[in-house]
Structure formats: C-alpha cells, structure tokens
Amino acid sequence: MKIQLAPMEGVFDSVTRDIFSQIGGFDHFVTEFIRVSAHLLPSSVFYRYCPELHNQGRTRHGDPVFVQLLGSDYELMALNAERAVDLGAPGIDLNFGCPAKRVNQHEGGARLLQEPERVEGVVSAVAKRVGSRVPVTAKVRLGYENKDHCVDIAKAAENGGATHLTVHARTKIEGYKPPAHWHYIAKMKRAISIPVYANGDIWTVEDAKRCLALSECENLALGRSAFSNPSLALEIKSQLLTVPAPSPGLSWQDLSGHWLPYFIETTRQTYSDQFALHRTKQWTKNLGRQFPEALDVFESIKRSQKLQELSSVLTFRD
C-alpha cells in the first residue's frame, strides 16, 4: 500500500508538507496546482510553489514532491512540465479534478472531464515531453455532472501515458458533499492496468478499510482527513499492513506542544506573521474534527488580529 498526501490549494504548502513528511506515513507529496495559461512560466514560480526543488524535489525528510500543473493547452503544459523537471521535479501531476468555478471557467481542472479526449491530449503531450525522465500522473473525479464516463476518463489518462491515477470519488457537481462513491473507482480500476489511488471521505482506519474493499484499490490519497488527523496515514499502515508502522498516532499534547508551535514559527519565517495567524486559525479549526481541544484553541484565537495574541494559548517564539 502506498499513501499520498492529496494536494489542497491554500492548505498543503511546503511548510505543511515538511511537517507531514516528518510525522510520516506518506510515500509522496504533490504541490498545490500551478496554473498554466498563456506562457512558459519563469523558474521563480516553480520554486515558489515547490521550494523542495532546491533539494532535488524532496522534502527535508527525503520524500518526493511531484509538481502539479493545471491547464488545457497541450504544448504549454508540456513546456512547463519540462521546465519543472529540468529544475528537479521527481514527477509531474496533472490536475483534472479541481471543482472551483473560476478554474473551470478558464478550461482547467474538472472542466476537461466533460471531454475525455482532452484529458488524454494533455497527458499525452506531457508524457511525450518528460515521461521518459519522470512519472506523469493524473488526478481526476468520477465525472463532471454525472458518472457515466468515469471509465472513459480512466482510459483516457492511461492511453495518454499516465503512470498512475488518483480518483476523487465524486463528480465536479457533487464537490465535497458526502457520500463518496468508492465503488465507482472499482469500475475505473478494472478498465485500466496502471495503479489507482482512491480518494475521498477517508476519515478513519475503518473508512480506509472499506474504501480499499469497495474501490478494489491498493493505494490511497488523503487530503482533508489528514489535515484533521496528521497521523492518519501512519495509523492506516499500522493497522492494515502486516509490518507495523513506527509510533502511530499523535496526541493533542504532541500537536500543541510541538507541531503547532513548529508550524507557527516556520510559517512566519517563510511568509509573515499575518499569514501565520491565518493558517493557524485554519489548522486548529480543522484539527477540531479529531481533537476537541483544538476547537477550544480555535474559539480562543478566531478573533485575534495579531500573531502575538496566540501566545496565551499556544507556546511559540514571540
């Protein structure tokens, strides 16, 4: 079993990838999407989204970080993928899953699921340019409005040259509304020969077990659930694999005493105090799904205007 940290715009940046890599359980990471629209992007853009390129595309702990691209122009996607690989990206992930209206209106993300041949075209252009050097992977959903073409979408990605496929078990229209339709992933997996990562509503080890059974997959991608429970990947591997994972499970004391202070300090150093304040509110609110104490912290800080105000609740260097 392999588990990837699913990319989430505005959530999983280099700081959080560093933390989750240290915590463990994930086999590889994917950047937030880099939008490709009109031209070949400068190197600075790739370094901004993926500072790990300065370390051969790996976290400080050594885990690979694939660069994710979003766009629909075949040649531009290929050129930008080539630049990312030249800069050290160990893999390229192609985003056909983003449901955001602003993205879909500009012919990006899940919009292309309406035309599987365009999914194949983008994957093929990128794979022909860089596929001999690094893996080219794709992130999709079950469809745009309905699930009728889910198998066509999977075949399009494979025919284009994708080396693995990550499937969010909902359509674009369904967004993130429960339930996730894991059994549809099984239909897609049966139709292709490349590895498939199942994604969507895997909140617990029991969810993971059910998802693997219904999707017929061996691999998982965790996003929102990992943000709420950073040790979920470790817990899944510990309980579902014959070889136990080391030290599974984080306590609230682990998070509040070490990881949250580390997160605050690293985020303020990387960006700014105000950005660190925003991200801390975001993470504590999400951690509240797994840790009730985190909700208490969030309630205490949600109206804070300055980072220094958090020091009465969380310990970090002021």
C-alpha atoms as a PDB file:
ATOM      1  CA  MET A   1       0.000   0.000   0.000  1.00  0.00           C
ATOM      2  CA  LYS A   2       1.121   3.497  -0.862  1.00  0.00           C
ATOM      3  CA  ILE A   3      -0.436   6.651   0.532  1.00  0.00           C
ATOM      4  CA  GLN A   4      -0.034  10.112  -0.961  1.00  0.00           C
ATOM      5  CA  LEU A   5      -0.931  13.433   0.597  1.00  0.00           C
ATOM      6  CA  ALA A   6      -3.549  14.790  -1.780  1.00  0.00           C
ATOM      7  CA  PRO A   7      -2.853  18.378  -2.867  1.00  0.00           C
ATOM      8  CA  MET A   8      -5.127  21.068  -1.445  1.00  0.00           C
ATOM      9  CA  GLU A   9      -4.889  24.661  -2.627  1.00  0.00           C
ATOM     10  CA  GLY A  10      -4.329  27.057   0.241  1.00  0.00           C
ATOM     11  CA  VAL A  11      -3.586  24.248   2.679  1.00  0.00           C
ATOM     12  CA  PHE A  12      -0.698  21.949   1.835  1.00  0.00           C
ATOM     13  CA  ASP A  13       2.263  24.201   1.074  1.00  0.00           C
ATOM     14  CA  SER A  14       5.943  23.475   1.674  1.00  0.00           C
ATOM     15  CA  VAL A  15       5.591  24.123   5.419  1.00  0.00           C
ATOM     16  CA  THR A  16       2.805  21.597   5.908  1.00  0.00           C
ATOM     17  CA  ARG A  17       4.480  19.111   3.565  1.00  0.00           C
ATOM     18  CA  ASP A  18       7.615  19.345   5.702  1.00  0.00           C
ATOM     19  CA  ILE A  19       5.599  18.641   8.856  1.00  0.00           C
ATOM     20  CA  PHE A  20       3.636  15.750   7.375  1.00  0.00           C
ATOM     21  CA  SER A  21       6.820  14.272   5.941  1.00  0.00           C
ATOM     22  CA  GLN A  22       8.397  14.331   9.391  1.00  0.00           C
ATOM     23  CA  ILE A  23       5.318  12.780  11.003  1.00  0.00           C
ATOM     24  CA  GLY A  24       5.444  10.013   8.408  1.00  0.00           C
ATOM     25  CA  GLY A  25       3.174   7.541   6.682  1.00  0.00           C
ATOM     26  CA  PHE A  26       3.117   9.237   3.281  1.00  0.00           C
ATOM     27  CA  ASP A  27       5.011   7.897   0.281  1.00  0.00           C
ATOM     28  CA  HIS A  28       4.922  11.047  -1.811  1.00  0.00           C
ATOM     29  CA  PHE A  29       3.524  14.559  -1.893  1.00  0.00           C
ATOM     30  CA  VAL A  30       2.030  16.813  -4.575  1.00  0.00           C
ATOM     31  CA  THR A  31       2.225  20.611  -4.713  1.00  0.00           C
ATOM     32  CA  GLU A  32      -0.713  22.973  -4.913  1.00  0.00           C
ATOM     33  CA  PHE A  33      -1.626  23.397  -8.569  1.00  0.00           C
ATOM     34  CA  ILE A  34       0.389  25.737 -10.752  1.00  0.00           C
ATOM     35  CA  ARG A  35      -1.902  27.310 -13.326  1.00  0.00           C
ATOM     36  CA  VAL A  36      -0.619  27.187 -16.912  1.00  0.00           C
ATOM     37  CA  SER A  37      -2.480  29.561 -19.194  1.00  0.00           C
ATOM     38  CA  ALA A  38      -0.581  31.800 -21.585  1.00  0.00           C
ATOM     39  CA  HIS A  39       3.161  31.249 -21.496  1.00  0.00           C
ATOM     40  CA  LEU A  40       6.127  29.324 -20.198  1.00  0.00           C
ATOM     41  CA  LEU A  41       6.359  30.211 -16.525  1.00  0.00           C
ATOM     42  CA  PRO A  42       9.615  31.529 -15.057  1.00  0.00           C
ATOM     43  CA  SER A  43      11.638  29.312 -12.754  1.00  0.00           C
ATOM     44  CA  SER A  44      10.725  31.540  -9.811  1.00  0.00           C
ATOM     45  CA  VAL A  45       7.102  30.376  -9.978  1.00  0.00           C
ATOM     46  CA  PHE A  46       8.117  26.738  -9.668  1.00  0.00           C
ATOM     47  CA  TYR A  47      10.449  27.488  -6.772  1.00  0.00           C
ATOM     48  CA  ARG A  48       7.678  29.433  -5.034  1.00  0.00           C
ATOM     49  CA  TYR A  49       5.207  26.568  -5.215  1.00  0.00           C
ATOM     50  CA  CYS A  50       7.826  23.891  -4.695  1.00  0.00           C
ATOM     51  CA  PRO A  51      10.835  25.104  -2.669  1.00  0.00           C
ATOM     52  CA  GLU A  52      11.785  21.440  -2.419  1.00  0.00           C
ATOM     53  CA  LEU A  53      13.185  21.800  -5.948  1.00  0.00           C
ATOM     54  CA  HIS A  54      16.250  23.233  -4.205  1.00  0.00           C
ATOM     55  CA  ASN A  55      16.587  19.768  -2.633  1.00  0.00           C
ATOM     56  CA  GLN A  56      16.136  17.657  -5.782  1.00  0.00           C
ATOM     57  CA  GLY A  57      12.373  17.768  -5.396  1.00  0.00           C
ATOM     58  CA  ARG A  58      12.305  16.127  -1.996  1.00  0.00           C
ATOM     59  CA  THR A  59      11.264  17.167   1.485  1.00  0.00           C
ATOM     60  CA  ARG A  60      13.983  17.516   4.096  1.00  0.00           C
ATOM     61  CA  HIS A  61      12.961  14.042   5.257  1.00  0.00           C
ATOM     62  CA  GLY A  62      13.583  12.690   1.745  1.00  0.00           C
ATOM     63  CA  ASP A  63      10.057  12.176   0.384  1.00  0.00           C
ATOM     64  CA  PRO A  64       9.431  13.057  -3.293  1.00  0.00           C
ATOM     65  CA  VAL A  65       7.246  16.060  -4.131  1.00  0.00           C
ATOM     66  CA  PHE A  66       5.541  15.982  -7.531  1.00  0.00           C
ATOM     67  CA  VAL A  67       4.791  19.326  -9.189  1.00  0.00           C
ATOM     68  CA  GLN A  68       1.123  19.667 -10.118  1.00  0.00           C
ATOM     69  CA  LEU A  69       0.113  21.572 -13.246  1.00  0.00           C
ATOM     70  CA  LEU A  70      -3.368  22.733 -14.243  1.00  0.00           C
ATOM     71  CA  GLY A  71      -4.280  23.814 -17.748  1.00  0.00           C
ATOM     72  CA  SER A  72      -5.617  22.683 -21.103  1.00  0.00           C
ATOM     73  CA  ASP A  73      -3.123  23.866 -23.730  1.00  0.00           C
ATOM     74  CA  TYR A  74      -1.195  20.771 -24.764  1.00  0.00           C
ATOM     75  CA  GLU A  75       2.028  22.458 -25.818  1.00  0.00           C
ATOM     76  CA  LEU A  76       2.160  24.896 -22.903  1.00  0.00           C
ATOM     77  CA  MET A  77       1.510  22.113 -20.409  1.00  0.00           C
ATOM     78  CA  ALA A  78       4.320  20.090 -21.960  1.00  0.00           C
ATOM     79  CA  LEU A  79       6.741  23.025 -21.947  1.00  0.00           C
ATOM     80  CA  ASN A  80       6.022  23.877 -18.327  1.00  0.00           C
ATOM     81  CA  ALA A  81       6.299  20.246 -17.288  1.00  0.00           C
ATOM     82  CA  GLU A  82       9.695  20.139 -18.963  1.00  0.00           C
ATOM     83  CA  ARG A  83      10.805  23.237 -17.072  1.00  0.00           C
ATOM     84  CA  ALA A  84       9.681  21.723 -13.767  1.00  0.00           C
ATOM     85  CA  VAL A  85      11.606  18.531 -14.489  1.00  0.00           C
ATOM     86  CA  ASP A  86      14.681  20.496 -15.562  1.00  0.00           C
ATOM     87  CA  LEU A  87      14.519  22.240 -12.169  1.00  0.00           C
ATOM     88  CA  GLY A  88      14.463  18.902 -10.367  1.00  0.00           C
ATOM     89  CA  ALA A  89      10.832  17.783 -10.087  1.00  0.00           C
ATOM     90  CA  PRO A  90      10.769  13.997  -9.491  1.00  0.00           C
ATOM     91  CA  GLY A  91       7.303  13.728 -11.026  1.00  0.00           C
ATOM     92  CA  ILE A  92       4.537  15.711 -12.731  1.00  0.00           C
ATOM     93  CA  ASP A  93       0.907  15.504 -11.612  1.00  0.00           C
ATOM     94  CA  LEU A  94      -1.860  16.822 -13.854  1.00  0.00           C
ATOM     95  CA  ASN A  95      -4.960  18.339 -12.260  1.00  0.00           C
ATOM     96  CA  PHE A  96      -8.274  17.311 -13.811  1.00  0.00           C
ATOM     97  CA  GLY A  97     -10.123  17.325 -10.506  1.00  0.00           C
ATOM     98  CA  CYS A  98     -10.358  20.910  -9.257  1.00  0.00           C
ATOM     99  CA  PRO A  99     -14.078  21.807  -8.989  1.00  0.00           C
ATOM    100  CA  ALA A 100     -13.611  25.562  -8.471  1.00  0.00           C
ATOM    101  CA  LYS A 101     -15.834  27.620 -10.772  1.00  0.00           C
ATOM    102  CA  ARG A 102     -13.118  30.168 -11.549  1.00  0.00           C
ATOM    103  CA  VAL A 103     -10.805  27.352 -12.664  1.00  0.00           C
ATOM    104  CA  ASN A 104     -13.425  25.518 -14.715  1.00  0.00           C
ATOM    105  CA  GLN A 105     -14.479  28.734 -16.479  1.00  0.00           C
ATOM    106  CA  HIS A 106     -10.934  29.008 -17.824  1.00  0.00           C
ATOM    107  CA  GLU A 107     -10.846  25.485 -19.238  1.00  0.00           C
ATOM    108  CA  GLY A 108      -8.991  23.954 -16.320  1.00  0.00           C
ATOM    109  CA  GLY A 109      -9.427  21.257 -13.710  1.00  0.00           C
ATOM    110  CA  ALA A 110     -12.609  19.182 -13.733  1.00  0.00           C
ATOM    111  CA  ARG A 111     -13.953  21.053 -16.776  1.00  0.00           C
ATOM    112  CA  LEU A 112     -11.899  18.734 -19.001  1.00  0.00           C
ATOM    113  CA  LEU A 113     -13.695  15.669 -17.644  1.00  0.00           C
ATOM    114  CA  GLN A 114     -16.557  16.578 -19.995  1.00  0.00           C
ATOM    115  CA  GLU A 115     -14.222  15.722 -22.866  1.00  0.00           C
ATOM    116  CA  PRO A 116     -12.053  12.697 -22.006  1.00  0.00           C
ATOM    117  CA  GLU A 117     -10.172  13.093 -25.283  1.00  0.00           C
ATOM    118  CA  ARG A 118      -8.781  16.390 -23.980  1.00  0.00           C
ATOM    119  CA  VAL A 119      -7.629  14.660 -20.797  1.00  0.00           C
ATOM    120  CA  GLU A 120      -5.795  12.184 -22.995  1.00  0.00           C
ATOM    121  CA  GLY A 121      -4.381  15.023 -25.084  1.00  0.00           C
ATOM    122  CA  VAL A 122      -2.887  16.867 -22.115  1.00  0.00           C
ATOM    123  CA  VAL A 123      -1.480  13.709 -20.552  1.00  0.00           C
ATOM    124  CA  SER A 124      -0.047  12.570 -23.873  1.00  0.00           C
ATOM    125  CA  ALA A 125       1.649  15.905 -24.594  1.00  0.00           C
ATOM    126  CA  VAL A 126       3.276  15.966 -21.160  1.00  0.00           C
ATOM    127  CA  ALA A 127       4.209  12.278 -21.161  1.00  0.00           C
ATOM    128  CA  LYS A 128       5.852  12.556 -24.578  1.00  0.00           C
ATOM    129  CA  ARG A 129       7.906  15.523 -23.351  1.00  0.00           C
ATOM    130  CA  VAL A 130       9.022  14.253 -19.928  1.00  0.00           C
ATOM    131  CA  GLY A 131       7.638  10.735 -19.447  1.00  0.00           C
ATOM    132  CA  SER A 132      10.981   9.088 -20.154  1.00  0.00           C
ATOM    133  CA  ARG A 133      12.526  11.072 -17.280  1.00  0.00           C
ATOM    134  CA  VAL A 134       9.897  11.119 -14.522  1.00  0.00           C
ATOM    135  CA  PRO A 135       6.445   9.686 -13.723  1.00  0.00           C
ATOM    136  CA  VAL A 136       3.479  11.601 -15.135  1.00  0.00           C
ATOM    137  CA  THR A 137       0.355  11.136 -13.018  1.00  0.00           C
ATOM    138  CA  ALA A 138      -3.206  12.440 -13.162  1.00  0.00           C
ATOM    139  CA  LYS A 139      -5.832  13.478 -10.599  1.00  0.00           C
ATOM    140  CA  VAL A 140      -9.452  13.122 -11.727  1.00  0.00           C
ATOM    141  CA  ARG A 141     -13.004  12.846 -10.434  1.00  0.00           C
ATOM    142  CA  LEU A 142     -15.760  10.429 -11.434  1.00  0.00           C
ATOM    143  CA  GLY A 143     -17.038  12.928 -13.978  1.00  0.00           C
ATOM    144  CA  TYR A 144     -18.383  16.444 -14.334  1.00  0.00           C
ATOM    145  CA  GLU A 145     -22.172  16.282 -13.945  1.00  0.00           C
ATOM    146  CA  ASN A 146     -22.591  12.513 -13.802  1.00  0.00           C
ATOM    147  CA  LYS A 147     -20.550   9.343 -13.564  1.00  0.00           C
ATOM    148  CA  ASP A 148     -21.442   7.885 -16.978  1.00  0.00           C
ATOM    149  CA  HIS A 149     -17.992   8.468 -18.459  1.00  0.00           C
ATOM    150  CA  CYS A 150     -15.820   7.524 -15.480  1.00  0.00           C
ATOM    151  CA  VAL A 151     -14.323   4.552 -17.325  1.00  0.00           C
ATOM    152  CA  ASP A 152     -13.647   6.695 -20.409  1.00  0.00           C
ATOM    153  CA  ILE A 153     -11.819   9.190 -18.193  1.00  0.00           C
ATOM    154  CA  ALA A 154      -9.642   6.470 -16.677  1.00  0.00           C
ATOM    155  CA  LYS A 155      -8.832   5.024 -20.096  1.00  0.00           C
ATOM    156  CA  ALA A 156      -8.004   8.491 -21.419  1.00  0.00           C
ATOM    157  CA  ALA A 157      -5.436   9.042 -18.670  1.00  0.00           C
ATOM    158  CA  GLU A 158      -3.848   5.642 -19.233  1.00  0.00           C
ATOM    159  CA  ASN A 159      -3.856   5.951 -23.025  1.00  0.00           C
ATOM    160  CA  GLY A 160      -2.162   9.316 -22.704  1.00  0.00           C
ATOM    161  CA  GLY A 161       0.690   7.761 -20.757  1.00  0.00           C
ATOM    162  CA  ALA A 162      -0.135   8.373 -17.090  1.00  0.00           C
ATOM    163  CA  THR A 163       1.815   6.110 -14.749  1.00  0.00           C
ATOM    164  CA  HIS A 164      -0.819   6.242 -12.017  1.00  0.00           C
ATOM    165  CA  LEU A 165      -4.251   7.734 -11.480  1.00  0.00           C
ATOM    166  CA  THR A 166      -5.731   9.361  -8.376  1.00  0.00           C
ATOM    167  CA  VAL A 167      -9.531   9.386  -8.304  1.00  0.00           C
ATOM    168  CA  HIS A 168     -11.665  11.581  -6.051  1.00  0.00           C
ATOM    169  CA  ALA A 169     -14.860   9.560  -5.667  1.00  0.00           C
ATOM    170  CA  ARG A 170     -17.297  12.339  -6.553  1.00  0.00           C
ATOM    171  CA  THR A 171     -18.256  14.347  -9.623  1.00  0.00           C
ATOM    172  CA  LYS A 172     -17.429  18.011 -10.064  1.00  0.00           C
ATOM    173  CA  ILE A 173     -21.044  18.956  -9.321  1.00  0.00           C
ATOM    174  CA  GLU A 174     -21.010  16.935  -6.097  1.00  0.00           C
ATOM    175  CA  GLY A 175     -17.972  18.887  -4.924  1.00  0.00           C
ATOM    176  CA  TYR A 176     -17.190  17.593  -1.440  1.00  0.00           C
ATOM    177  CA  LYS A 177     -20.719  16.605  -0.409  1.00  0.00           C
ATOM    178  CA  PRO A 178     -20.978  13.154   1.150  1.00  0.00           C
ATOM    179  CA  PRO A 179     -21.086  10.356   0.327  1.00  0.00           C
ATOM    180  CA  ALA A 180     -18.019   9.416  -1.674  1.00  0.00           C
ATOM    181  CA  HIS A 181     -18.811   6.764  -4.287  1.00  0.00           C
ATOM    182  CA  TRP A 182     -15.859   4.418  -3.821  1.00  0.00           C
ATOM    183  CA  HIS A 183     -17.453   1.583  -5.803  1.00  0.00           C
ATOM    184  CA  TYR A 184     -17.246   3.669  -8.982  1.00  0.00           C
ATOM    185  CA  ILE A 185     -13.478   3.765  -8.621  1.00  0.00           C
ATOM    186  CA  ALA A 186     -13.525  -0.033  -8.913  1.00  0.00           C
ATOM    187  CA  LYS A 187     -15.143   0.289 -12.358  1.00  0.00           C
ATOM    188  CA  MET A 188     -12.342   2.588 -13.431  1.00  0.00           C
ATOM    189  CA  LYS A 189      -9.623   0.407 -11.959  1.00  0.00           C
ATOM    190  CA  ARG A 190     -10.896  -2.728 -13.710  1.00  0.00           C
ATOM    191  CA  ALA A 191     -10.680  -0.929 -17.058  1.00  0.00           C
ATOM    192  CA  ILE A 192      -7.002   0.060 -16.809  1.00  0.00           C
ATOM    193  CA  SER A 193      -3.700  -1.504 -15.801  1.00  0.00           C
ATOM    194  CA  ILE A 194      -1.933   1.400 -14.056  1.00  0.00           C
ATOM    195  CA  PRO A 195      -2.065   1.840 -10.250  1.00  0.00           C
ATOM    196  CA  VAL A 196      -5.044   3.760  -8.888  1.00  0.00           C
ATOM    197  CA  TYR A 197      -5.159   5.818  -5.683  1.00  0.00           C
ATOM    198  CA  ALA A 198      -8.611   6.108  -4.095  1.00  0.00           C
ATOM    199  CA  ASN A 199      -9.508   9.475  -2.566  1.00  0.00           C
ATOM    200  CA  GLY A 200     -12.480  10.995  -0.780  1.00  0.00           C
ATOM    201  CA  ASP A 201     -14.004  10.762   2.717  1.00  0.00           C
ATOM    202  CA  ILE A 202     -11.327   8.500   4.204  1.00  0.00           C
ATOM    203  CA  TRP A 203     -11.535   9.891   7.728  1.00  0.00           C
ATOM    204  CA  THR A 204     -10.646   6.816   9.794  1.00  0.00           C
ATOM    205  CA  VAL A 205      -8.822   3.499   9.574  1.00  0.00           C
ATOM    206  CA  GLU A 206     -12.205   1.805   9.199  1.00  0.00           C
ATOM    207  CA  ASP A 207     -13.035   4.153   6.306  1.00  0.00           C
ATOM    208  CA  ALA A 208      -9.729   3.214   4.691  1.00  0.00           C
ATOM    209  CA  LYS A 209     -10.521  -0.486   5.034  1.00  0.00           C
ATOM    210  CA  ARG A 210     -13.965  -0.031   3.456  1.00  0.00           C
ATOM    211  CA  CYS A 211     -12.616   2.221   0.719  1.00  0.00           C
ATOM    212  CA  LEU A 212      -9.924  -0.271  -0.263  1.00  0.00           C
ATOM    213  CA  ALA A 213     -12.508  -3.051  -0.419  1.00  0.00           C
ATOM    214  CA  LEU A 214     -15.122  -1.132  -2.413  1.00  0.00           C
ATOM    215  CA  SER A 215     -12.685   0.627  -4.754  1.00  0.00           C
ATOM    216  CA  GLU A 216     -10.565  -2.515  -5.257  1.00  0.00           C
ATOM    217  CA  CYS A 217      -7.504  -0.274  -4.923  1.00  0.00           C
ATOM    218  CA  GLU A 218      -4.257  -0.918  -3.080  1.00  0.00           C
ATOM    219  CA  ASN A 219      -3.387   2.759  -2.662  1.00  0.00           C
ATOM    220  CA  LEU A 220      -4.959   5.792  -1.005  1.00  0.00           C
ATOM    221  CA  ALA A 221      -4.769   9.577  -1.192  1.00  0.00           C
ATOM    222  CA  LEU A 222      -5.631  11.549   1.946  1.00  0.00           C
ATOM    223  CA  GLY A 223      -6.458  15.258   1.946  1.00  0.00           C
ATOM    224  CA  ARG A 224      -8.903  16.906   4.348  1.00  0.00           C
ATOM    225  CA  SER A 225      -8.791  13.901   6.658  1.00  0.00           C
ATOM    226  CA  ALA A 226      -5.024  14.169   7.047  1.00  0.00           C
ATOM    227  CA  PHE A 227      -5.300  17.875   7.781  1.00  0.00           C
ATOM    228  CA  SER A 228      -7.652  16.949  10.633  1.00  0.00           C
ATOM    229  CA  ASN A 229      -5.587  13.962  11.789  1.00  0.00           C
ATOM    230  CA  PRO A 230      -1.928  14.285  10.721  1.00  0.00           C
ATOM    231  CA  SER A 231      -1.055  10.744  11.820  1.00  0.00           C
ATOM    232  CA  LEU A 232      -3.903   9.068   9.894  1.00  0.00           C
ATOM    233  CA  ALA A 233      -1.581   7.642   7.231  1.00  0.00           C
ATOM    234  CA  LEU A 234       0.585   6.079   9.943  1.00  0.00           C
ATOM    235  CA  GLU A 235      -2.466   4.665  11.692  1.00  0.00           C
ATOM    236  CA  ILE A 236      -3.779   3.138   8.456  1.00  0.00           C
ATOM    237  CA  LYS A 237      -0.469   1.488   7.648  1.00  0.00           C
ATOM    238  CA  SER A 238      -0.007   0.288  11.213  1.00  0.00           C
ATOM    239  CA  GLN A 239      -3.402  -1.408  11.354  1.00  0.00           C
ATOM    240  CA  LEU A 240      -3.837  -2.613   7.777  1.00  0.00           C
ATOM    241  CA  LEU A 241      -0.321  -3.724   6.844  1.00  0.00           C
ATOM    242  CA  THR A 242       1.441  -6.771   8.249  1.00  0.00           C
ATOM    243  CA  VAL A 243       4.515  -4.676   9.046  1.00  0.00           C
ATOM    244  CA  PRO A 244       3.619  -2.182  11.807  1.00  0.00           C
ATOM    245  CA  ALA A 245       4.389   1.475  11.219  1.00  0.00           C
ATOM    246  CA  PRO A 246       6.554   3.113  13.882  1.00  0.00           C
ATOM    247  CA  SER A 247       4.858   5.098  16.668  1.00  0.00           C
ATOM    248  CA  PRO A 248       1.403   5.554  15.094  1.00  0.00           C
ATOM    249  CA  GLY A 249      -0.997   8.133  16.461  1.00  0.00           C
ATOM    250  CA  LEU A 250      -0.450  11.684  17.608  1.00  0.00           C
ATOM    251  CA  SER A 251      -1.908  13.046  20.824  1.00  0.00           C
ATOM    252  CA  TRP A 252      -3.149  16.583  21.322  1.00  0.00           C
ATOM    253  CA  GLN A 253      -0.097  17.094  23.528  1.00  0.00           C
ATOM    254  CA  ASP A 254       2.135  16.165  20.570  1.00  0.00           C
ATOM    255  CA  LEU A 255       0.382  18.704  18.379  1.00  0.00           C
ATOM    256  CA  SER A 256       0.012  21.575  20.834  1.00  0.00           C
ATOM    257  CA  GLY A 257       3.415  21.071  22.416  1.00  0.00           C
ATOM    258  CA  HIS A 258       5.483  20.570  19.274  1.00  0.00           C
ATOM    259  CA  TRP A 259       3.858  20.566  15.847  1.00  0.00           C
ATOM    260  CA  LEU A 260       1.659  23.656  16.143  1.00  0.00           C
ATOM    261  CA  PRO A 261       4.478  25.806  17.575  1.00  0.00           C
ATOM    262  CA  TYR A 262       6.781  24.484  14.844  1.00  0.00           C
ATOM    263  CA  PHE A 263       4.097  25.253  12.255  1.00  0.00           C
ATOM    264  CA  ILE A 264       3.639  28.816  13.520  1.00  0.00           C
ATOM    265  CA  GLU A 265       7.350  29.579  13.654  1.00  0.00           C
ATOM    266  CA  THR A 266       8.115  28.065  10.256  1.00  0.00           C
ATOM    267  CA  THR A 267       5.144  29.744   8.577  1.00  0.00           C
ATOM    268  CA  ARG A 268       6.007  33.193   9.934  1.00  0.00           C
ATOM    269  CA  GLN A 269       9.628  32.755   8.821  1.00  0.00           C
ATOM    270  CA  THR A 270       8.546  31.607   5.360  1.00  0.00           C
ATOM    271  CA  TYR A 271       5.768  34.156   4.834  1.00  0.00           C
ATOM    272  CA  SER A 272       4.701  36.664   7.501  1.00  0.00           C
ATOM    273  CA  ASP A 273       3.140  36.972  10.944  1.00  0.00           C
ATOM    274  CA  GLN A 274      -0.296  37.688   9.471  1.00  0.00           C
ATOM    275  CA  PHE A 275      -0.146  34.673   7.197  1.00  0.00           C
ATOM    276  CA  ALA A 276       0.930  32.502  10.131  1.00  0.00           C
ATOM    277  CA  LEU A 277      -2.053  33.810  12.104  1.00  0.00           C
ATOM    278  CA  HIS A 278      -4.451  32.952   9.271  1.00  0.00           C
ATOM    279  CA  ARG A 279      -3.011  29.478   8.770  1.00  0.00           C
ATOM    280  CA  THR A 280      -3.039  28.705  12.498  1.00  0.00           C
ATOM    281  CA  LYS A 281      -6.738  29.552  12.696  1.00  0.00           C
ATOM    282  CA  GLN A 282      -7.339  27.378   9.649  1.00  0.00           C
ATOM    283  CA  TRP A 283      -5.454  24.371  11.015  1.00  0.00           C
ATOM    284  CA  THR A 284      -6.823  24.466  14.564  1.00  0.00           C
ATOM    285  CA  LYS A 285     -10.368  24.635  13.201  1.00  0.00           C
ATOM    286  CA  ASN A 286      -9.734  21.575  11.041  1.00  0.00           C
ATOM    287  CA  LEU A 287      -7.928  19.702  13.803  1.00  0.00           C
ATOM    288  CA  GLY A 288     -11.103  20.121  15.840  1.00  0.00           C
ATOM    289  CA  ARG A 289     -12.705  17.293  13.896  1.00  0.00           C
ATOM    290  CA  GLN A 290     -10.293  14.853  15.565  1.00  0.00           C
ATOM    291  CA  PHE A 291      -9.179  16.759  18.659  1.00  0.00           C
ATOM    292  CA  PRO A 292     -11.835  18.597  20.734  1.00  0.00           C
ATOM    293  CA  GLU A 293      -9.072  20.599  22.422  1.00  0.00           C
ATOM    294  CA  ALA A 294      -8.232  22.155  19.061  1.00  0.00           C
ATOM    295  CA  LEU A 295     -11.716  23.631  18.824  1.00  0.00           C
ATOM    296  CA  ASP A 296     -11.205  25.255  22.211  1.00  0.00           C
ATOM    297  CA  VAL A 297      -7.998  26.805  20.888  1.00  0.00           C
ATOM    298  CA  PHE A 298      -9.733  27.953  17.717  1.00  0.00           C
ATOM    299  CA  GLU A 299     -12.536  29.580  19.702  1.00  0.00           C
ATOM    300  CA  SER A 300      -9.900  31.399  21.763  1.00  0.00           C
ATOM    301  CA  ILE A 301      -7.983  32.734  18.759  1.00  0.00           C
ATOM    302  CA  LYS A 302     -10.527  33.126  15.954  1.00  0.00           C
ATOM    303  CA  ARG A 303     -10.913  36.874  16.568  1.00  0.00           C
ATOM    304  CA  SER A 304      -7.220  37.528  17.163  1.00  0.00           C
ATOM    305  CA  GLN A 305      -5.760  40.241  14.946  1.00  0.00           C
ATOM    306  CA  LYS A 306      -2.086  39.738  15.746  1.00  0.00           C
ATOM    307  CA  LEU A 307       0.018  36.608  15.950  1.00  0.00           C
ATOM    308  CA  GLN A 308       1.373  37.627  19.345  1.00  0.00           C
ATOM    309  CA  GLU A 309      -2.130  37.252  20.815  1.00  0.00           C
ATOM    310  CA  LEU A 310      -1.863  33.490  20.312  1.00  0.00           C
ATOM    311  CA  SER A 311       0.938  33.183  22.865  1.00  0.00           C
ATOM    312  CA  SER A 312      -1.574  32.978  25.722  1.00  0.00           C
ATOM    313  CA  VAL A 313      -2.975  29.772  24.219  1.00  0.00           C
ATOM    314  CA  LEU A 314      -0.098  28.272  22.214  1.00  0.00           C
ATOM    315  CA  THR A 315       3.599  28.327  23.034  1.00  0.00           C
ATOM    316  CA  PHE A 316       5.913  29.640  20.312  1.00  0.00           C
ATOM    317  CA  ARG A 317       8.767  32.078  19.980  1.00  0.00           C
ATOM    318  CA  ASP A 318       7.384  35.612  20.233  1.00  0.00           C
END
